Amino acid sequence: MGAAIIFLVDNVIGLAIFAIIASAVLSWLVAFNILNIRNPIAYQIVRVLEAVTSPLLRPIQRLLPNLGGVDLSPIVAFLLLKTIQIAVDKSLAPVLIGWLG
């Protein structure tokens, strides 16, 4: 049971990291006019990624100072999520697996 919980938490964090990276890359492609969001499929992909990553990035964006057009919130979110993932894998996993079996 404990291994399943650790597996689930680890994969959810991994998917969140993937979504943040994909959203950042797509925003750059849109900004440099490489990806046209007038295409309905591209527009849907960008909107879904924004909807998924927005709850993670908005609190960080409120805390960070305004740097003009540079958004550092994906980098900060990536670092925070990786830190949580490592902490869960190294510290919480042995305790939880030992406790729940």
N, C-alpha and C. Protein backbone atom coordinates (compact mmCIF):
# COMPACT_ATOMS: atom_id res chain seq x y z
N MET A 1 0.82 -1.20 0.00
CA MET A 1 0.00 0.00 0.00
C MET A 1 0.86 1.26 0.00
N GLY A 2 1.89 1.25 0.84
CA GLY A 2 2.78 2.42 0.92
C GLY A 2 3.52 2.67 -0.37
N ALA A 3 3.96 1.57 -1.02
CA ALA A 3 4.67 1.71 -2.29
C ALA A 3 3.75 2.29 -3.37
N ALA A 4 2.48 1.92 -3.32
CA ALA A 4 1.53 2.44 -4.31
C ALA A 4 1.31 3.94 -4.12
N ILE A 5 1.24 4.38 -2.88
CA ILE A 5 1.06 5.82 -2.60
C ILE A 5 2.28 6.60 -3.07
N ILE A 6 3.47 6.08 -2.77
CA ILE A 6 4.70 6.74 -3.21
C ILE A 6 4.76 6.77 -4.74
N PHE A 7 4.39 5.68 -5.39
CA PHE A 7 4.36 5.61 -6.84
C PHE A 7 3.42 6.66 -7.41
N LEU A 8 2.23 6.78 -6.84
CA LEU A 8 1.24 7.74 -7.31
C LEU A 8 1.73 9.18 -7.14
N VAL A 9 2.26 9.50 -5.96
CA VAL A 9 2.76 10.86 -5.70
C VAL A 9 3.91 11.19 -6.64
N ASP A 10 4.81 10.24 -6.81
CA ASP A 10 5.98 10.46 -7.68
C ASP A 10 5.55 10.71 -9.13
N ASN A 11 4.58 9.96 -9.61
CA ASN A 11 4.11 10.13 -11.00
C ASN A 11 3.30 11.40 -11.19
N VAL A 12 2.51 11.79 -10.20
CA VAL A 12 1.76 13.04 -10.30
C VAL A 12 2.72 14.23 -10.36
N ILE A 13 3.76 14.19 -9.54
CA ILE A 13 4.76 15.26 -9.58
C ILE A 13 5.47 15.25 -10.92
N GLY A 14 5.80 14.07 -11.43
CA GLY A 14 6.45 13.97 -12.74
C GLY A 14 5.59 14.52 -13.86
N LEU A 15 4.30 14.24 -13.82
CA LEU A 15 3.39 14.78 -14.84
C LEU A 15 3.26 16.30 -14.73
N ALA A 16 3.24 16.81 -13.51
CA ALA A 16 3.17 18.26 -13.32
C ALA A 16 4.43 18.93 -13.88
N ILE A 17 5.58 18.33 -13.64
CA ILE A 17 6.84 18.87 -14.18
C ILE A 17 6.81 18.85 -15.70
N PHE A 18 6.35 17.75 -16.28
CA PHE A 18 6.24 17.65 -17.74
C PHE A 18 5.31 18.73 -18.29
N ALA A 19 4.17 18.93 -17.64
CA ALA A 19 3.21 19.94 -18.10
C ALA A 19 3.80 21.34 -18.02
N ILE A 20 4.56 21.64 -16.97
CA ILE A 20 5.19 22.96 -16.83
C ILE A 20 6.21 23.19 -17.94
N ILE A 21 7.02 22.19 -18.20
CA ILE A 21 8.04 22.32 -19.26
C ILE A 21 7.37 22.46 -20.62
N ALA A 22 6.36 21.63 -20.89
CA ALA A 22 5.66 21.72 -22.17
C ALA A 22 4.97 23.06 -22.35
N SER A 23 4.37 23.57 -21.29
CA SER A 23 3.70 24.87 -21.36
C SER A 23 4.70 26.00 -21.62
N ALA A 24 5.85 25.94 -20.97
CA ALA A 24 6.87 26.97 -21.19
C ALA A 24 7.39 26.94 -22.62
N VAL A 25 7.67 25.74 -23.13
CA VAL A 25 8.17 25.61 -24.51
C VAL A 25 7.12 26.10 -25.50
N LEU A 26 5.87 25.71 -25.30
CA LEU A 26 4.81 26.16 -26.22
C LEU A 26 4.60 27.67 -26.15
N SER A 27 4.74 28.26 -24.96
CA SER A 27 4.60 29.71 -24.87
C SER A 27 5.71 30.42 -25.63
N TRP A 28 6.91 29.85 -25.61
CA TRP A 28 8.01 30.43 -26.39
C TRP A 28 7.73 30.29 -27.88
N LEU A 29 7.22 29.13 -28.30
CA LEU A 29 6.90 28.93 -29.71
C LEU A 29 5.81 29.89 -30.19
N VAL A 30 4.84 30.15 -29.34
CA VAL A 30 3.79 31.12 -29.69
C VAL A 30 4.37 32.52 -29.73
N ALA A 31 5.22 32.86 -28.75
CA ALA A 31 5.79 34.21 -28.68
C ALA A 31 6.68 34.51 -29.90
N PHE A 32 7.40 33.51 -30.38
CA PHE A 32 8.28 33.72 -31.54
C PHE A 32 7.58 33.43 -32.86
N ASN A 33 6.28 33.28 -32.83
CA ASN A 33 5.45 33.09 -34.02
C ASN A 33 5.81 31.82 -34.80
N ILE A 34 6.28 30.81 -34.09
CA ILE A 34 6.56 29.53 -34.72
C ILE A 34 5.30 28.67 -34.71
N LEU A 35 4.54 28.79 -33.63
CA LEU A 35 3.29 28.07 -33.49
C LEU A 35 2.14 29.05 -33.60
N ASN A 36 1.23 28.77 -34.50
CA ASN A 36 0.09 29.64 -34.73
C ASN A 36 -1.09 29.12 -33.92
N ILE A 37 -1.55 29.91 -32.94
CA ILE A 37 -2.66 29.43 -32.11
C ILE A 37 -4.01 29.66 -32.77
N ARG A 38 -4.01 30.15 -34.00
CA ARG A 38 -5.27 30.19 -34.75
C ARG A 38 -5.66 28.80 -35.23
N ASN A 39 -4.69 27.89 -35.21
CA ASN A 39 -4.97 26.48 -35.50
C ASN A 39 -5.74 25.92 -34.30
N PRO A 40 -6.93 25.35 -34.52
CA PRO A 40 -7.75 24.90 -33.38
C PRO A 40 -7.08 23.85 -32.49
N ILE A 41 -6.32 22.95 -33.08
CA ILE A 41 -5.65 21.92 -32.28
C ILE A 41 -4.56 22.54 -31.42
N ALA A 42 -3.74 23.41 -32.01
CA ALA A 42 -2.69 24.08 -31.25
C ALA A 42 -3.30 24.93 -30.14
N TYR A 43 -4.40 25.61 -30.44
CA TYR A 43 -5.07 26.45 -29.45
C TYR A 43 -5.56 25.59 -28.28
N GLN A 44 -6.16 24.44 -28.57
CA GLN A 44 -6.65 23.56 -27.51
C GLN A 44 -5.52 23.04 -26.63
N ILE A 45 -4.40 22.67 -27.24
CA ILE A 45 -3.26 22.16 -26.48
C ILE A 45 -2.72 23.24 -25.56
N VAL A 46 -2.57 24.45 -26.08
CA VAL A 46 -2.07 25.56 -25.27
C VAL A 46 -3.03 25.86 -24.12
N ARG A 47 -4.33 25.86 -24.38
CA ARG A 47 -5.33 26.16 -23.34
C ARG A 47 -5.34 25.08 -22.26
N VAL A 48 -5.25 23.81 -22.66
CA VAL A 48 -5.24 22.73 -21.67
C VAL A 48 -4.00 22.82 -20.78
N LEU A 49 -2.85 23.07 -21.39
CA LEU A 49 -1.63 23.20 -20.58
C LEU A 49 -1.69 24.41 -19.65
N GLU A 50 -2.28 25.51 -20.12
CA GLU A 50 -2.45 26.68 -19.25
C GLU A 50 -3.39 26.36 -18.09
N ALA A 51 -4.45 25.63 -18.37
CA ALA A 51 -5.40 25.27 -17.31
C ALA A 51 -4.77 24.35 -16.28
N VAL A 52 -3.88 23.47 -16.72
CA VAL A 52 -3.23 22.54 -15.80
C VAL A 52 -2.14 23.23 -14.98
N THR A 53 -1.36 24.08 -15.62
CA THR A 53 -0.21 24.68 -14.94
C THR A 53 -0.54 25.97 -14.20
N SER A 54 -1.61 26.61 -14.55
CA SER A 54 -1.95 27.89 -13.93
C SER A 54 -2.10 27.81 -12.41
N PRO A 55 -2.78 26.80 -11.86
CA PRO A 55 -2.87 26.74 -10.39
C PRO A 55 -1.52 26.56 -9.70
N LEU A 56 -0.56 25.99 -10.39
CA LEU A 56 0.77 25.83 -9.81
C LEU A 56 1.61 27.10 -9.93
N LEU A 57 1.45 27.80 -11.04
CA LEU A 57 2.32 28.93 -11.33
C LEU A 57 1.82 30.27 -10.76
N ARG A 58 0.52 30.46 -10.66
CA ARG A 58 -0.03 31.75 -10.20
C ARG A 58 0.47 32.17 -8.82
N PRO A 59 0.47 31.29 -7.81
CA PRO A 59 0.99 31.73 -6.50
C PRO A 59 2.46 32.12 -6.54
N ILE A 60 3.23 31.43 -7.36
CA ILE A 60 4.66 31.76 -7.49
C ILE A 60 4.83 33.09 -8.21
N GLN A 61 4.00 33.34 -9.23
CA GLN A 61 4.09 34.60 -9.97
C GLN A 61 3.75 35.79 -9.08
N ARG A 62 2.85 35.59 -8.12
CA ARG A 62 2.52 36.68 -7.19
C ARG A 62 3.68 37.01 -6.27
N LEU A 63 4.50 36.02 -5.95
CA LEU A 63 5.62 36.23 -5.03
C LEU A 63 6.86 36.80 -5.72
N LEU A 64 7.06 36.46 -6.98
CA LEU A 64 8.26 36.90 -7.69
C LEU A 64 8.13 38.36 -8.13
N PRO A 65 9.24 39.09 -8.14
CA PRO A 65 9.18 40.47 -8.64
C PRO A 65 8.97 40.50 -10.15
N ASN A 66 8.44 41.61 -10.64
CA ASN A 66 8.21 41.78 -12.06
C ASN A 66 9.55 42.03 -12.76
N LEU A 67 9.89 41.16 -13.69
CA LEU A 67 11.16 41.27 -14.41
C LEU A 67 10.93 41.65 -15.87
N GLY A 68 9.88 42.37 -16.13
CA GLY A 68 9.56 42.75 -17.50
C GLY A 68 8.84 41.60 -18.18
N GLY A 69 9.37 41.14 -19.28
CA GLY A 69 8.74 40.06 -20.03
C GLY A 69 9.23 38.68 -19.66
N VAL A 70 10.08 38.58 -18.65
CA VAL A 70 10.66 37.29 -18.27
C VAL A 70 9.85 36.70 -17.11
N ASP A 71 9.37 35.48 -17.31
CA ASP A 71 8.61 34.78 -16.28
C ASP A 71 9.46 33.64 -15.73
N LEU A 72 9.89 33.78 -14.50
CA LEU A 72 10.73 32.76 -13.88
C LEU A 72 9.92 31.74 -13.08
N SER A 73 8.61 31.89 -13.06
CA SER A 73 7.79 30.99 -12.25
C SER A 73 7.89 29.52 -12.68
N PRO A 74 8.02 29.18 -13.97
CA PRO A 74 8.19 27.76 -14.31
C PRO A 74 9.48 27.17 -13.74
N ILE A 75 10.54 27.95 -13.71
CA ILE A 75 11.80 27.46 -13.15
C ILE A 75 11.67 27.23 -11.66
N VAL A 76 11.05 28.18 -10.96
CA VAL A 76 10.86 28.05 -9.52
C VAL A 76 9.94 26.87 -9.22
N ALA A 77 8.86 26.72 -9.99
CA ALA A 77 7.94 25.59 -9.78
C ALA A 77 8.65 24.27 -10.04
N PHE A 78 9.46 24.20 -11.08
CA PHE A 78 10.22 22.99 -11.38
C PHE A 78 11.13 22.63 -10.22
N LEU A 79 11.86 23.61 -9.70
CA LEU A 79 12.77 23.35 -8.59
C LEU A 79 12.03 22.92 -7.33
N LEU A 80 10.91 23.55 -7.04
CA LEU A 80 10.11 23.17 -5.88
C LEU A 80 9.55 21.76 -6.02
N LEU A 81 9.02 21.43 -7.19
CA LEU A 81 8.46 20.10 -7.40
C LEU A 81 9.54 19.02 -7.34
N LYS A 82 10.71 19.28 -7.90
CA LYS A 82 11.81 18.31 -7.82
C LYS A 82 12.26 18.13 -6.38
N THR A 83 12.30 19.22 -5.60
CA THR A 83 12.67 19.13 -4.20
C THR A 83 11.66 18.27 -3.43
N ILE A 84 10.39 18.49 -3.68
CA ILE A 84 9.35 17.69 -3.03
C ILE A 84 9.47 16.23 -3.45
N GLN A 85 9.71 16.00 -4.73
CA GLN A 85 9.84 14.63 -5.23
C GLN A 85 11.02 13.91 -4.58
N ILE A 86 12.15 14.57 -4.46
CA ILE A 86 13.31 13.97 -3.82
C ILE A 86 13.05 13.72 -2.35
N ALA A 87 12.41 14.69 -1.68
CA ALA A 87 12.10 14.52 -0.26
C ALA A 87 11.16 13.34 -0.03
N VAL A 88 10.17 13.19 -0.90
CA VAL A 88 9.25 12.06 -0.77
C VAL A 88 9.98 10.75 -1.02
N ASP A 89 10.81 10.71 -2.06
CA ASP A 89 11.51 9.46 -2.40
C ASP A 89 12.54 9.06 -1.34
N LYS A 90 13.26 10.02 -0.81
CA LYS A 90 14.36 9.71 0.11
C LYS A 90 13.94 9.65 1.58
N SER A 91 13.02 10.51 1.98
CA SER A 91 12.69 10.60 3.40
C SER A 91 11.35 9.95 3.75
N LEU A 92 10.34 10.28 3.01
CA LEU A 92 9.00 9.82 3.36
C LEU A 92 8.73 8.39 2.90
N ALA A 93 9.30 7.99 1.78
CA ALA A 93 9.04 6.65 1.24
C ALA A 93 9.43 5.54 2.21
N PRO A 94 10.63 5.54 2.77
CA PRO A 94 10.97 4.44 3.70
C PRO A 94 10.04 4.39 4.92
N VAL A 95 9.68 5.54 5.44
CA VAL A 95 8.80 5.59 6.60
C VAL A 95 7.42 5.06 6.24
N LEU A 96 6.87 5.56 5.12
CA LEU A 96 5.53 5.16 4.72
C LEU A 96 5.46 3.68 4.34
N ILE A 97 6.46 3.20 3.64
CA ILE A 97 6.48 1.78 3.26
C ILE A 97 6.62 0.91 4.50
N GLY A 98 7.46 1.32 5.44
CA GLY A 98 7.60 0.56 6.68
C GLY A 98 6.35 0.59 7.53
N TRP A 99 5.66 1.71 7.52
CA TRP A 99 4.45 1.86 8.34
C TRP A 99 3.25 1.13 7.75
N LEU A 100 3.05 1.31 6.41
CA LEU A 100 1.89 0.70 5.77
C LEU A 100 2.17 -0.69 5.20
N GLY A 101 3.44 -0.96 4.98
CA GLY A 101 3.80 -2.28 4.47
C GLY A 101 3.73 -2.39 3.05
